[in-house]
Amino acid sequence: MSNPRLLYIKDITTGSIAGNKQLFELVQSLNLPFDQLIEEKGFRWVHVSYREKGNRRQVLRK
C-alpha cells in the first residue's frame, strides 16, 4: 500500500560551489521530477525534494 503523501528530501553537495550550481542547473535542464529545488546559501548545497504525487517543480534561491 503506497502513501500518496510520501515525500523524499535530500540536501546534496558535489563538494564545490561550482559543482553544486551545475547540479542545480542540470536537474532543471533534464526536466527531472522534483517538488522543490532550492539553492542554499550561495550554492553551498542543493536541497531537492520529491513527492510520489503532485510535484510542484518549485525552484527557490535562499
Protein backbone atom coordinates (compact mmCIF):
# COMPACT_ATOMS: atom_id res chain seq x y z
CA MET A 1 0.00 0.00 0.00
CA SER A 2 1.55 3.33 -1.01
CA ASN A 3 1.09 6.63 0.74
CA PRO A 4 0.30 9.41 -1.83
CA ARG A 5 1.76 11.97 0.56
CA LEU A 6 5.15 10.30 0.76
CA LEU A 7 7.90 12.91 0.49
CA TYR A 8 11.61 12.38 -0.06
CA ILE A 9 14.05 15.15 0.90
CA LYS A 10 17.80 15.34 0.33
CA ASP A 11 20.44 18.02 0.75
CA ILE A 12 23.21 17.38 -1.79
CA THR A 13 26.71 18.73 -2.31
CA THR A 14 29.19 17.87 -5.02
CA GLY A 15 32.00 19.25 -2.87
CA SER A 16 32.25 22.62 -4.61
CA ILE A 17 30.09 25.68 -5.18
CA ALA A 18 30.67 25.44 -8.95
CA GLY A 19 29.64 21.78 -8.96
CA ASN A 20 26.54 22.48 -6.87
CA LYS A 21 25.50 25.26 -9.27
CA GLN A 22 25.98 22.88 -12.19
CA LEU A 23 23.88 20.22 -10.41
CA PHE A 24 21.12 22.78 -9.73
CA GLU A 25 21.01 23.73 -13.42
CA LEU A 26 21.26 20.12 -14.60
CA VAL A 27 18.24 18.96 -12.58
CA GLN A 28 16.18 21.68 -14.28
CA SER A 29 17.56 21.23 -17.81
CA LEU A 30 16.99 17.45 -17.75
CA ASN A 31 13.40 18.10 -16.69
CA LEU A 32 13.80 15.70 -13.75
CA PRO A 33 10.78 15.37 -11.46
CA PHE A 34 11.04 17.28 -8.18
CA ASP A 35 8.78 19.06 -5.75
CA GLN A 36 11.28 21.70 -4.62
CA LEU A 37 14.76 22.52 -5.84
CA ILE A 38 16.46 25.04 -3.58
CA GLU A 39 19.85 26.71 -3.91
CA GLU A 40 21.04 27.09 -0.33
CA LYS A 41 23.45 29.75 0.96
CA GLY A 42 25.21 30.64 -2.28
CA PHE A 43 25.28 27.08 -3.62
CA ARG A 44 26.93 25.59 -0.52
CA TRP A 45 24.45 22.76 -1.07
CA VAL A 46 21.32 21.99 -3.11
CA HIS A 47 18.07 20.90 -1.48
CA VAL A 48 15.87 18.57 -3.54
CA SER A 49 12.52 17.16 -2.53
CA TYR A 50 10.30 14.73 -4.40
CA ARG A 51 6.71 13.62 -3.85
CA GLU A 52 5.29 10.43 -5.23
CA LYS A 53 2.35 12.52 -6.50
CA GLY A 54 1.81 16.22 -7.03
CA ASN A 55 5.34 17.56 -7.59
CA ARG A 56 5.18 21.38 -7.93
CA ARG A 57 8.60 21.90 -9.64
CA GLN A 58 9.17 24.87 -7.36
CA VAL A 59 12.61 26.49 -7.77
CA LEU A 60 13.84 28.72 -4.93
CA ARG A 61 17.02 30.59 -4.08
CA LYS A 62 17.87 31.25 -0.44
